[in-house]
Amino acid sequence: MTPENWGTLATAASLVIVGIGLPHQIYKNFRRKTCEGLAPSLIISAAISYTLWCIYGWTKPDLFLKIAQTPGCALALILLIQLIYYRKGRGQ
């Protein structure tokens, strides 16, 4: 396999996880108006990790990194905003 093939495979796998898992969790939190059951450390670490990878991807001429990490960054930040918002009791 060439590096481009691996990049395509990694990008597709990342987008599947980001495209299914994170939106489902965001919607579930929105419906319940809580992030109960999710470890805050998981949400915070995901937001930091995706943000750092996104920034790194945009500093490199690598389309695979940009495509794979930007949606994850946006969705992880939405989860972080939900965590903060619902922790303050505003969801109820």
N, C-alpha and C. Protein backbone atom coordinates (compact mmCIF):
# COMPACT_ATOMS: atom_id res chain seq x y z
N MET A 1 0.84 -1.18 0.00
CA MET A 1 0.00 0.00 0.00
C MET A 1 0.88 1.25 0.00
N THR A 2 0.45 2.22 -0.74
CA THR A 2 1.19 3.48 -0.81
C THR A 2 0.78 4.37 0.36
N PRO A 3 1.59 5.37 0.67
CA PRO A 3 1.23 6.31 1.74
C PRO A 3 -0.12 6.99 1.48
N GLU A 4 -0.42 7.28 0.22
CA GLU A 4 -1.71 7.91 -0.10
C GLU A 4 -2.88 6.98 0.22
N ASN A 5 -2.69 5.68 -0.04
CA ASN A 5 -3.74 4.71 0.30
C ASN A 5 -3.98 4.65 1.80
N TRP A 6 -2.88 4.66 2.55
CA TRP A 6 -3.02 4.66 4.01
C TRP A 6 -3.69 5.95 4.49
N GLY A 7 -3.34 7.06 3.87
CA GLY A 7 -3.97 8.33 4.22
C GLY A 7 -5.46 8.33 3.95
N THR A 8 -5.84 7.77 2.81
CA THR A 8 -7.26 7.67 2.46
C THR A 8 -7.99 6.77 3.45
N LEU A 9 -7.40 5.64 3.79
CA LEU A 9 -8.01 4.71 4.74
C LEU A 9 -8.15 5.34 6.13
N ALA A 10 -7.09 6.00 6.58
CA ALA A 10 -7.13 6.65 7.90
C ALA A 10 -8.17 7.78 7.92
N THR A 11 -8.25 8.55 6.84
CA THR A 11 -9.23 9.63 6.76
C THR A 11 -10.64 9.07 6.79
N ALA A 12 -10.88 8.02 6.04
CA ALA A 12 -12.22 7.40 6.01
C ALA A 12 -12.60 6.87 7.39
N ALA A 13 -11.67 6.19 8.06
CA ALA A 13 -11.96 5.65 9.39
C ALA A 13 -12.26 6.78 10.38
N SER A 14 -11.49 7.84 10.32
CA SER A 14 -11.72 8.97 11.21
C SER A 14 -13.08 9.61 10.97
N LEU A 15 -13.43 9.78 9.70
CA LEU A 15 -14.71 10.40 9.37
C LEU A 15 -15.89 9.53 9.77
N VAL A 16 -15.73 8.21 9.72
CA VAL A 16 -16.81 7.31 10.17
C VAL A 16 -17.03 7.49 11.67
N ILE A 17 -15.96 7.50 12.42
CA ILE A 17 -16.08 7.69 13.88
C ILE A 17 -16.68 9.05 14.20
N VAL A 18 -16.15 10.07 13.56
CA VAL A 18 -16.62 11.44 13.80
C VAL A 18 -18.03 11.63 13.26
N GLY A 19 -18.34 11.02 12.14
CA GLY A 19 -19.64 11.20 11.50
C GLY A 19 -20.78 10.46 12.15
N ILE A 20 -20.45 9.41 12.90
CA ILE A 20 -21.50 8.61 13.55
C ILE A 20 -21.51 8.83 15.06
N GLY A 21 -20.37 8.60 15.70
CA GLY A 21 -20.31 8.62 17.16
C GLY A 21 -20.54 9.98 17.79
N LEU A 22 -19.82 10.97 17.36
CA LEU A 22 -19.94 12.27 18.01
C LEU A 22 -21.29 12.94 17.76
N PRO A 23 -21.81 12.95 16.53
CA PRO A 23 -23.14 13.55 16.35
C PRO A 23 -24.23 12.84 17.15
N HIS A 24 -24.13 11.53 17.25
CA HIS A 24 -25.11 10.78 18.04
C HIS A 24 -25.05 11.21 19.50
N GLN A 25 -23.85 11.34 20.04
CA GLN A 25 -23.71 11.74 21.44
C GLN A 25 -24.19 13.17 21.65
N ILE A 26 -23.88 14.05 20.73
CA ILE A 26 -24.33 15.43 20.83
C ILE A 26 -25.86 15.49 20.84
N TYR A 27 -26.49 14.75 19.94
CA TYR A 27 -27.95 14.73 19.88
C TYR A 27 -28.54 14.13 21.15
N LYS A 28 -27.93 13.06 21.65
CA LYS A 28 -28.41 12.43 22.88
C LYS A 28 -28.32 13.40 24.05
N ASN A 29 -27.20 14.12 24.16
CA ASN A 29 -27.06 15.11 25.22
C ASN A 29 -28.11 16.20 25.09
N PHE A 30 -28.34 16.65 23.86
CA PHE A 30 -29.32 17.70 23.61
C PHE A 30 -30.72 17.26 24.02
N ARG A 31 -31.08 16.04 23.65
CA ARG A 31 -32.41 15.52 23.99
C ARG A 31 -32.59 15.39 25.50
N ARG A 32 -31.55 14.90 26.19
CA ARG A 32 -31.65 14.68 27.63
C ARG A 32 -31.34 15.94 28.44
N LYS A 33 -30.73 16.93 27.79
CA LYS A 33 -30.31 18.18 28.45
C LYS A 33 -29.31 17.91 29.57
N THR A 34 -28.42 16.94 29.34
CA THR A 34 -27.38 16.61 30.30
C THR A 34 -26.27 15.83 29.60
N CYS A 35 -25.09 15.88 30.19
CA CYS A 35 -23.96 15.06 29.73
C CYS A 35 -23.67 13.96 30.74
N GLU A 36 -24.68 13.67 31.55
CA GLU A 36 -24.53 12.64 32.57
C GLU A 36 -24.11 11.32 31.94
N GLY A 37 -23.18 10.66 32.61
CA GLY A 37 -22.69 9.39 32.11
C GLY A 37 -21.41 9.51 31.29
N LEU A 38 -21.08 10.72 30.89
CA LEU A 38 -19.83 10.96 30.17
C LEU A 38 -18.81 11.55 31.13
N ALA A 39 -17.61 11.02 31.09
CA ALA A 39 -16.55 11.56 31.94
C ALA A 39 -16.12 12.92 31.39
N PRO A 40 -16.17 13.95 32.22
CA PRO A 40 -15.70 15.26 31.75
C PRO A 40 -14.27 15.21 31.21
N SER A 41 -13.43 14.39 31.83
CA SER A 41 -12.04 14.28 31.36
C SER A 41 -11.98 13.74 29.93
N LEU A 42 -12.91 12.87 29.56
CA LEU A 42 -12.96 12.33 28.20
C LEU A 42 -13.33 13.44 27.21
N ILE A 43 -14.32 14.23 27.54
CA ILE A 43 -14.76 15.31 26.66
C ILE A 43 -13.65 16.36 26.52
N ILE A 44 -13.04 16.73 27.63
CA ILE A 44 -11.99 17.74 27.61
C ILE A 44 -10.78 17.24 26.82
N SER A 45 -10.37 16.01 27.07
CA SER A 45 -9.20 15.48 26.35
C SER A 45 -9.49 15.32 24.86
N ALA A 46 -10.70 14.93 24.50
CA ALA A 46 -11.06 14.82 23.08
C ALA A 46 -11.03 16.19 22.41
N ALA A 47 -11.57 17.20 23.08
CA ALA A 47 -11.57 18.55 22.52
C ALA A 47 -10.15 19.07 22.34
N ILE A 48 -9.30 18.86 23.33
CA ILE A 48 -7.91 19.30 23.23
C ILE A 48 -7.18 18.55 22.12
N SER A 49 -7.33 17.24 22.10
CA SER A 49 -6.65 16.41 21.11
C SER A 49 -7.06 16.76 19.69
N TYR A 50 -8.37 16.80 19.43
CA TYR A 50 -8.85 17.14 18.09
C TYR A 50 -8.42 18.55 17.68
N THR A 51 -8.45 19.49 18.62
CA THR A 51 -8.05 20.86 18.30
C THR A 51 -6.57 20.93 17.94
N LEU A 52 -5.73 20.26 18.71
CA LEU A 52 -4.30 20.26 18.41
C LEU A 52 -4.01 19.58 17.07
N TRP A 53 -4.66 18.45 16.80
CA TRP A 53 -4.47 17.77 15.52
C TRP A 53 -4.97 18.64 14.37
N CYS A 54 -6.06 19.34 14.58
CA CYS A 54 -6.61 20.22 13.55
C CYS A 54 -5.63 21.36 13.24
N ILE A 55 -5.13 21.99 14.28
CA ILE A 55 -4.16 23.07 14.08
C ILE A 55 -2.92 22.53 13.37
N TYR A 56 -2.43 21.39 13.80
CA TYR A 56 -1.27 20.78 13.16
C TYR A 56 -1.56 20.48 11.69
N GLY A 57 -2.74 19.93 11.41
CA GLY A 57 -3.11 19.61 10.04
C GLY A 57 -3.15 20.83 9.14
N TRP A 58 -3.61 21.95 9.68
CA TRP A 58 -3.71 23.17 8.87
C TRP A 58 -2.36 23.86 8.70
N THR A 59 -1.35 23.44 9.47
CA THR A 59 -0.01 24.00 9.27
C THR A 59 0.81 23.17 8.28
N LYS A 60 0.28 22.04 7.86
CA LYS A 60 0.97 21.14 6.94
C LYS A 60 0.23 21.11 5.60
N PRO A 61 0.96 20.83 4.53
CA PRO A 61 0.29 20.69 3.23
C PRO A 61 -0.27 19.27 3.06
N ASP A 62 -1.05 18.83 4.04
CA ASP A 62 -1.57 17.46 4.05
C ASP A 62 -3.09 17.50 4.11
N LEU A 63 -3.72 17.27 2.97
CA LEU A 63 -5.18 17.32 2.88
C LEU A 63 -5.84 16.27 3.76
N PHE A 64 -5.18 15.10 3.91
CA PHE A 64 -5.75 14.03 4.74
C PHE A 64 -5.94 14.49 6.18
N LEU A 65 -4.95 15.16 6.74
CA LEU A 65 -5.06 15.66 8.11
C LEU A 65 -6.18 16.69 8.24
N LYS A 66 -6.25 17.60 7.29
CA LYS A 66 -7.27 18.65 7.35
C LYS A 66 -8.67 18.06 7.30
N ILE A 67 -8.89 17.14 6.36
CA ILE A 67 -10.22 16.55 6.19
C ILE A 67 -10.59 15.69 7.38
N ALA A 68 -9.63 14.94 7.91
CA ALA A 68 -9.93 14.01 9.00
C ALA A 68 -10.13 14.71 10.34
N GLN A 69 -9.39 15.76 10.61
CA GLN A 69 -9.40 16.34 11.94
C GLN A 69 -10.33 17.53 12.14
N THR A 70 -10.62 18.28 11.12
CA THR A 70 -11.46 19.48 11.27
C THR A 70 -12.87 19.15 11.76
N PRO A 71 -13.57 18.18 11.18
CA PRO A 71 -14.91 17.87 11.71
C PRO A 71 -14.86 17.37 13.16
N GLY A 72 -13.86 16.57 13.48
CA GLY A 72 -13.72 16.08 14.85
C GLY A 72 -13.49 17.21 15.83
N CYS A 73 -12.70 18.19 15.42
CA CYS A 73 -12.45 19.36 16.26
C CYS A 73 -13.75 20.10 16.53
N ALA A 74 -14.50 20.37 15.49
CA ALA A 74 -15.76 21.12 15.64
C ALA A 74 -16.74 20.36 16.54
N LEU A 75 -16.89 19.07 16.32
CA LEU A 75 -17.85 18.29 17.11
C LEU A 75 -17.39 18.10 18.55
N ALA A 76 -16.09 17.91 18.78
CA ALA A 76 -15.58 17.78 20.14
C ALA A 76 -15.76 19.09 20.90
N LEU A 77 -15.60 20.22 20.21
CA LEU A 77 -15.83 21.51 20.87
C LEU A 77 -17.31 21.71 21.20
N ILE A 78 -18.20 21.20 20.35
CA ILE A 78 -19.64 21.25 20.67
C ILE A 78 -19.92 20.43 21.93
N LEU A 79 -19.31 19.25 22.03
CA LEU A 79 -19.48 18.44 23.24
C LEU A 79 -18.97 19.19 24.47
N LEU A 80 -17.84 19.87 24.34
CA LEU A 80 -17.30 20.63 25.46
C LEU A 80 -18.24 21.77 25.85
N ILE A 81 -18.80 22.44 24.88
CA ILE A 81 -19.78 23.51 25.16
C ILE A 81 -21.01 22.92 25.85
N GLN A 82 -21.47 21.77 25.40
CA GLN A 82 -22.61 21.12 26.06
C GLN A 82 -22.27 20.80 27.51
N LEU A 83 -21.08 20.27 27.74
CA LEU A 83 -20.66 19.92 29.10
C LEU A 83 -20.73 21.15 30.00
N ILE A 84 -20.19 22.25 29.53
CA ILE A 84 -20.18 23.49 30.32
C ILE A 84 -21.61 24.01 30.52
N TYR A 85 -22.37 24.03 29.45
CA TYR A 85 -23.74 24.56 29.49
C TYR A 85 -24.65 23.74 30.42
N TYR A 86 -24.63 22.44 30.25
CA TYR A 86 -25.51 21.59 31.05
C TYR A 86 -25.04 21.44 32.50
N ARG A 87 -23.76 21.63 32.74
CA ARG A 87 -23.26 21.58 34.11
C ARG A 87 -23.79 22.72 34.94
N LYS A 88 -24.04 23.82 34.31
CA LYS A 88 -24.54 25.00 35.02
C LYS A 88 -26.05 24.95 35.20
N GLY A 89 -26.67 23.85 34.79
CA GLY A 89 -28.10 23.69 34.98
C GLY A 89 -28.96 24.45 34.01
N ARG A 90 -28.39 24.93 32.92
CA ARG A 90 -29.15 25.73 31.97
C ARG A 90 -30.04 24.89 31.08
N GLY A 91 -29.74 23.62 30.98
CA GLY A 91 -30.50 22.78 30.08
C GLY A 91 -31.89 22.45 30.60
N GLN A 92 -32.12 22.71 31.88
CA GLN A 92 -33.40 22.29 32.45
C GLN A 92 -34.35 23.41 32.72
